[in-house]
Structure formats: structure tokens, C-alpha cells
Amino acid sequence: MKKYLNLFAIIFTFTIVLTFTETTRAQYQYNYSSNMWVNSGMNLLFQKRWATARIRAAGKTQLADALEGRTASGRQTVAPSENVLRRVPLTQTSFKANPSPIMPSVLAANFAEGGDAAVRQFVKVSGELLKNYEQMLITNRETRLKNNVAGAATFALMMSRSVLTGKDLTEKQAEAVLQDINSLLASSENFRQLPDDEKQKMYEVFVITSGLAAMLHQQGIEENNAEKSAQGKDLAKTILSQFFDRPLDEIEFTEQGVQFP
């Protein structure tokens, strides 16, 4: 994953801001309810993995082994659980996409108010975000992440972190996080059993919501509107809450993946 992926994303989302009229901008309420997340158990999936990592980092190896179903010798005593992290091919989190986007009209109910015109505008902008994300993958020669849930989740994590901190991951750090998320999703039986259209919904939610967070934040900066910028940061925090149950300053993004000091 290219190290400048997130910076490019911030730039492309700002171009979408130009499609808004002043009237349309005033008609958005940015309601970040949990309904925008298709898989309500997704945050538990991620946070259980990070919790085990924290236990191991704290030196409580036996407890971490027990949570992962391992004996003292390292041999597993139970089937792999959601806490076990093992590198697997990215194809395990890819899906066969429907010809048309699914989530823009669904998310419009959470974000848009002011009648049909506002909903149509939201759907249009969401569709452009998805198109630009996939064009970005082509430009950066990252076509392996097209129609890939782990790639979209990593993108959302990186973008949200950038909105909140102004910092970007290196290429190696981003790749390690991608592999962490890919392995975690692939280890979940619930995820593996999802039909392709449900995986597509997750993919689109990650791209659209993180794009909106960047749009709001950048728009607030350009307009010197602290409230709007704060809305973007609020949405970024909501996105990151799907991954972590603690502040970003308590998390390290390394070339070996996500770690807890």
C-alpha cells in the first residue's frame, strides 16, 4: 500500500466538496448513528484482537495463549478463534461486486435531510467517492485492493487517523496494518459466511464514511469553519471506534502491525 495513499485521498475528497451548492451544504445533519455500520459486531471483532495483543504486550503470555486456545507448547487446543492472527492471501477478504453501488442510498437516510434534493445530492457524492477511491487504486497500482474489504477498512483507518492527527503511515506501516486487518477478517467465521453483497456493503461504508470525514474536515479548514471541521473529526472518531477502544496516542503503528506499548 503506497505511503501517500492517505494524502492523495484527502486531496480527492476535497474535489468532491466543490460539487456541493451552498443550499445543499446547509441541508446535511451528519447523523452518525450506529445504523451506518452494516455489521454491528465488527467493532467487537477488531477490539477482541487488539485486546489480546495488549494482554500479550503486557507480558501476560499464558493468559493470551489461553484466549487464543493455545497450550504452553504453542499447540492449539481449539479451532482458530477470532483472536488468532495469521497472514493469509488478500483474496480471502475480496468479493464479487454488484454492478451498481449499494450503500449510497442507504447511508443517505443517516446523513441527509431537507428532502429529495438533498438525498439525491448525497447519493451522487457518495458514488463519486467510490469511483475516486477505485481510480486512486488504479493510479497507485493497488488493484489488489479493488473489491477488497480489508483494503477499504485500512483506507478508512488511515484516513480517519490523518483527519485527527495530521499524520500518515509509511508504506511499510500501512502494509502491515492491511495484513493485520486482512488476517483478522479472514479468521472470522462470521465474515467468511457473509454473502458478497454484505461484504460489498462493508467495503462501501468504509470508503464513503471516511471520505465524508475528510470532506467535512477539509471544508471546515477552507471555510474557516471550526464547527464543520469538528464534525469531520467526530465522524473520524466514530470510524476509529470500530477498530479500537482506546485513544490513538495509546496505539503504535509499526512495520510489524498494530501494537500497544
Protein backbone atom coordinates (compact mmCIF):
# COMPACT_ATOMS: atom_id res chain seq x y z
CA MET A 1 0.00 0.00 0.00
CA LYS A 2 1.57 3.24 -1.12
CA LYS A 3 2.68 5.53 1.69
CA TYR A 4 0.99 8.52 0.06
CA LEU A 5 -2.38 6.77 -0.25
CA ASN A 6 -3.95 8.77 2.56
CA LEU A 7 -2.63 12.16 1.38
CA PHE A 8 -3.99 11.53 -2.09
CA ALA A 9 -7.31 10.54 -0.55
CA ILE A 10 -7.59 13.85 1.30
CA ILE A 11 -6.99 15.68 -1.97
CA PHE A 12 -9.54 13.71 -3.97
CA THR A 13 -12.24 14.04 -1.34
CA PHE A 14 -11.83 17.80 -1.31
CA THR A 15 -12.53 17.89 -5.04
CA ILE A 16 -15.94 16.40 -4.26
CA VAL A 17 -16.71 19.29 -1.93
CA LEU A 18 -16.85 21.50 -5.00
CA THR A 19 -19.94 19.64 -6.20
CA PHE A 20 -21.98 20.93 -3.25
CA THR A 21 -24.04 24.07 -3.56
CA GLU A 22 -24.35 26.31 -0.50
CA THR A 23 -28.00 25.29 -0.18
CA THR A 24 -27.19 21.61 -0.20
CA ARG A 25 -24.42 22.04 2.37
CA ALA A 26 -26.92 23.51 4.81
CA GLN A 27 -29.20 20.52 4.45
CA TYR A 28 -26.90 17.90 5.92
CA GLN A 29 -27.19 16.88 9.55
CA TYR A 30 -24.34 14.32 9.71
CA ASN A 31 -26.13 11.87 11.96
CA TYR A 32 -23.52 9.31 12.96
CA SER A 33 -25.80 6.63 14.34
CA SER A 34 -24.60 3.06 14.65
CA ASN A 35 -27.02 2.13 11.86
CA MET A 36 -24.44 3.20 9.29
CA TRP A 37 -22.36 0.13 10.17
CA VAL A 38 -23.68 -2.87 8.34
CA ASN A 39 -22.11 -5.45 10.65
CA SER A 40 -22.79 -4.36 14.22
CA GLY A 41 -20.41 -6.99 15.54
CA MET A 42 -17.50 -5.67 13.52
CA ASN A 43 -16.13 -3.48 16.29
CA LEU A 44 -16.09 -6.46 18.67
CA LEU A 45 -14.19 -8.48 16.11
CA PHE A 46 -11.41 -5.91 15.88
CA GLN A 47 -11.33 -4.96 19.54
CA LYS A 48 -11.10 -8.56 20.75
CA ARG A 49 -7.99 -8.97 18.61
CA TRP A 50 -6.39 -5.79 19.91
CA ALA A 51 -7.32 -6.71 23.49
CA THR A 52 -5.43 -9.98 23.19
CA ALA A 53 -2.47 -8.13 21.70
CA ARG A 54 -2.44 -5.76 24.68
CA ILE A 55 -2.51 -8.67 27.12
CA ARG A 56 0.46 -10.26 25.39
CA ALA A 57 2.32 -6.93 25.23
CA ALA A 58 1.84 -6.58 28.99
CA GLY A 59 3.75 -9.83 29.48
CA LYS A 60 0.70 -11.95 30.31
CA THR A 61 1.65 -14.61 27.78
CA GLN A 62 -0.22 -17.50 29.40
CA LEU A 63 -3.47 -15.54 29.54
CA ALA A 64 -3.08 -14.50 25.89
CA ASP A 65 -2.34 -18.12 24.93
CA ALA A 66 -5.46 -19.24 26.77
CA LEU A 67 -7.61 -16.68 24.95
CA GLU A 68 -6.19 -17.93 21.67
CA GLY A 69 -6.76 -21.57 22.60
CA ARG A 70 -3.09 -22.49 22.86
CA THR A 71 -1.21 -24.76 25.26
CA ALA A 72 2.14 -23.88 26.83
CA SER A 73 3.84 -25.67 23.93
CA GLY A 74 2.11 -23.41 21.45
CA ARG A 75 -0.15 -26.13 20.08
CA GLN A 76 -3.74 -25.07 19.61
CA THR A 77 -6.33 -26.88 21.70
CA VAL A 78 -9.37 -25.46 19.94
CA ALA A 79 -10.27 -24.32 16.47
CA PRO A 80 -8.79 -20.94 15.46
CA SER A 81 -10.71 -18.13 17.12
CA GLU A 82 -11.24 -14.52 16.12
CA ASN A 83 -8.19 -13.62 18.22
CA VAL A 84 -5.71 -15.67 16.20
CA LEU A 85 -3.77 -13.60 13.67
CA ARG A 86 -2.16 -15.44 10.76
CA ARG A 87 -1.06 -13.99 7.43
CA VAL A 88 -3.35 -15.11 4.60
CA PRO A 89 -3.84 -14.06 0.95
CA LEU A 90 -5.78 -10.84 0.38
CA THR A 91 -8.16 -12.77 -1.84
CA GLN A 92 -9.78 -14.11 1.35
CA THR A 93 -11.33 -10.71 2.03
CA SER A 94 -12.27 -9.90 -1.55
CA PHE A 95 -15.76 -10.22 -3.02
CA LYS A 96 -17.58 -10.28 -6.33
CA ALA A 97 -19.17 -6.86 -6.68
CA ASN A 98 -22.62 -5.94 -7.89
CA PRO A 99 -22.59 -3.66 -10.96
CA SER A 100 -24.09 -0.77 -9.00
CA PRO A 101 -23.21 0.65 -5.54
CA ILE A 102 -25.48 -0.46 -2.69
CA MET A 103 -24.85 1.88 0.23
CA PRO A 104 -25.13 5.50 -1.06
CA SER A 105 -28.93 5.50 -0.86
CA VAL A 106 -28.90 3.60 2.44
CA LEU A 107 -26.45 5.99 4.08
CA ALA A 108 -28.38 8.99 2.77
CA ALA A 109 -31.04 8.23 5.37
CA ASN A 110 -28.41 8.71 8.10
CA PHE A 111 -26.75 11.82 6.73
CA ALA A 112 -29.12 13.83 4.56
CA GLU A 113 -32.10 15.92 5.47
CA GLY A 114 -34.03 18.56 3.58
CA GLY A 115 -36.00 16.46 1.13
CA ASP A 116 -35.37 14.52 -2.04
CA ALA A 117 -32.87 17.00 -3.47
CA ALA A 118 -30.51 16.58 -0.51
CA VAL A 119 -30.78 12.80 -0.70
CA ARG A 120 -30.03 12.80 -4.43
CA GLN A 121 -27.01 15.03 -3.88
CA PHE A 122 -25.73 12.78 -1.11
CA VAL A 123 -26.12 9.70 -3.28
CA LYS A 124 -24.24 11.45 -6.09
CA VAL A 125 -21.35 12.48 -3.85
CA SER A 126 -21.13 9.02 -2.27
CA GLY A 127 -20.98 7.45 -5.71
CA GLU A 128 -18.18 9.80 -6.70
CA LEU A 129 -16.25 8.89 -3.56
CA LEU A 130 -16.43 5.22 -4.50
CA LYS A 131 -15.37 5.94 -8.09
CA ASN A 132 -12.46 8.11 -6.99
CA TYR A 133 -11.31 5.53 -4.47
CA GLU A 134 -11.13 2.88 -7.15
CA GLN A 135 -9.43 5.29 -9.57
CA MET A 136 -6.90 6.03 -6.83
CA LEU A 137 -6.17 2.31 -6.54
CA ILE A 138 -5.53 2.13 -10.28
CA THR A 139 -3.30 5.23 -10.21
CA ASN A 140 -1.27 3.79 -7.32
CA ARG A 141 -1.18 0.33 -8.89
CA GLU A 142 -3.09 -1.13 -5.97
CA THR A 143 -5.69 -3.05 -7.96
CA ARG A 144 -5.33 -5.96 -5.50
CA LEU A 145 -7.48 -3.85 -3.15
CA LYS A 146 -10.35 -3.34 -5.56
CA ASN A 147 -13.46 -5.02 -4.11
CA ASN A 148 -11.47 -5.95 -1.01
CA VAL A 149 -12.89 -5.30 2.46
CA ALA A 150 -9.52 -5.32 4.25
CA GLY A 151 -8.20 -2.69 1.86
CA ALA A 152 -11.22 -0.43 2.37
CA ALA A 153 -11.01 -0.86 6.16
CA THR A 154 -7.31 0.04 6.14
CA PHE A 155 -8.05 3.06 3.99
CA ALA A 156 -10.73 4.20 6.45
CA LEU A 157 -8.40 3.72 9.40
CA MET A 158 -5.58 5.65 7.71
CA MET A 159 -7.80 8.50 6.57
CA SER A 160 -9.52 8.86 9.93
CA ARG A 161 -6.18 8.88 11.71
CA SER A 162 -4.92 11.56 9.33
CA VAL A 163 -8.01 13.72 9.95
CA LEU A 164 -7.43 13.51 13.71
CA THR A 165 -3.64 13.74 13.86
CA GLY A 166 -2.43 15.11 10.52
CA LYS A 167 -0.04 12.15 10.35
CA ASP A 168 0.32 9.45 7.71
CA LEU A 169 1.69 5.93 7.85
CA THR A 170 4.75 4.88 5.90
CA GLU A 171 4.29 2.38 3.10
CA LYS A 172 5.58 -0.47 5.28
CA GLN A 173 3.42 0.51 8.23
CA ALA A 174 0.33 0.73 6.05
CA GLU A 175 1.06 -2.67 4.52
CA ALA A 176 1.46 -4.22 7.97
CA VAL A 177 -1.87 -2.78 9.13
CA LEU A 178 -3.51 -4.03 5.94
CA GLN A 179 -2.18 -7.53 6.56
CA ASP A 180 -3.34 -7.40 10.20
CA ILE A 181 -6.88 -6.45 9.21
CA ASN A 182 -6.96 -8.93 6.35
CA SER A 183 -5.88 -11.79 8.61
CA LEU A 184 -8.33 -10.79 11.29
CA LEU A 185 -11.32 -10.65 8.95
CA ALA A 186 -10.32 -13.90 7.27
CA SER A 187 -10.10 -15.62 10.68
CA SER A 188 -13.72 -14.73 11.46
CA GLU A 189 -16.22 -17.41 10.58
CA ASN A 190 -18.97 -14.79 10.61
CA PHE A 191 -17.14 -12.74 7.99
CA ARG A 192 -16.34 -15.75 5.83
CA GLN A 193 -20.01 -16.70 5.76
CA LEU A 194 -21.18 -13.28 4.60
CA PRO A 195 -22.54 -13.21 1.05
CA ASP A 196 -20.77 -10.98 -1.43
CA ASP A 197 -23.35 -8.21 -1.26
CA GLU A 198 -22.87 -7.89 2.52
CA LYS A 199 -19.10 -7.64 2.06
CA GLN A 200 -19.70 -5.00 -0.60
CA LYS A 201 -21.78 -3.02 1.89
CA MET A 202 -18.92 -3.08 4.41
CA TYR A 203 -16.47 -2.01 1.70
CA GLU A 204 -18.66 0.91 0.62
CA VAL A 205 -19.37 2.06 4.18
CA PHE A 206 -15.65 2.28 4.93
CA VAL A 207 -14.87 4.27 1.78
CA ILE A 208 -17.86 6.63 1.92
CA THR A 209 -17.80 7.46 5.62
CA SER A 210 -14.05 8.07 5.77
CA GLY A 211 -14.31 10.17 2.61
CA LEU A 212 -17.05 12.23 4.23
CA ALA A 213 -14.92 12.72 7.35
CA ALA A 214 -12.10 14.10 5.22
CA MET A 215 -14.51 16.28 3.21
CA LEU A 216 -16.03 17.85 6.28
CA HIS A 217 -12.66 18.45 7.91
CA GLN A 218 -11.10 19.94 4.78
CA GLN A 219 -14.19 22.01 4.02
CA GLY A 220 -14.08 23.41 7.54
CA ILE A 221 -10.46 24.42 7.09
CA GLU A 222 -11.12 26.08 3.74
CA GLU A 223 -14.12 27.99 5.09
CA ASN A 224 -12.52 28.74 8.47
CA ASN A 225 -15.48 26.92 9.97
CA ALA A 226 -14.38 25.24 13.19
CA GLU A 227 -17.76 23.55 13.70
CA LYS A 228 -17.65 21.83 10.32
CA SER A 229 -14.07 20.72 10.83
CA ALA A 230 -15.07 19.35 14.24
CA GLN A 231 -17.86 17.37 12.53
CA GLY A 232 -15.28 15.72 10.31
CA LYS A 233 -13.18 14.82 13.32
CA ASP A 234 -16.22 13.48 15.13
CA LEU A 235 -17.00 11.17 12.24
CA ALA A 236 -13.34 10.10 12.09
CA LYS A 237 -13.53 9.18 15.79
CA THR A 238 -16.69 7.18 15.13
CA ILE A 239 -14.93 5.24 12.38
CA LEU A 240 -11.89 4.53 14.53
CA SER A 241 -14.13 3.33 17.34
CA GLN A 242 -14.87 0.35 15.12
CA PHE A 243 -11.20 -0.63 15.39
CA PHE A 244 -10.03 0.47 18.83
CA ASP A 245 -11.41 1.01 22.31
CA ARG A 246 -8.71 3.47 23.33
CA PRO A 247 -7.18 6.80 22.21
CA LEU A 248 -4.85 6.90 19.22
CA ASP A 249 -1.94 8.09 21.36
CA GLU A 250 -2.04 4.72 23.10
CA ILE A 251 -1.59 2.80 19.86
CA GLU A 252 1.55 2.27 17.77
CA PHE A 253 1.51 1.59 14.04
CA THR A 254 4.69 -0.28 13.25
CA GLU A 255 6.17 -2.23 10.35
CA GLN A 256 5.02 -5.36 12.21
CA GLY A 257 1.42 -4.13 12.50
CA VAL A 258 -0.69 -2.58 15.26
CA GLN A 259 0.96 -2.69 18.67
CA PHE A 260 0.16 -1.41 22.15
CA PRO A 261 3.07 0.00 24.20
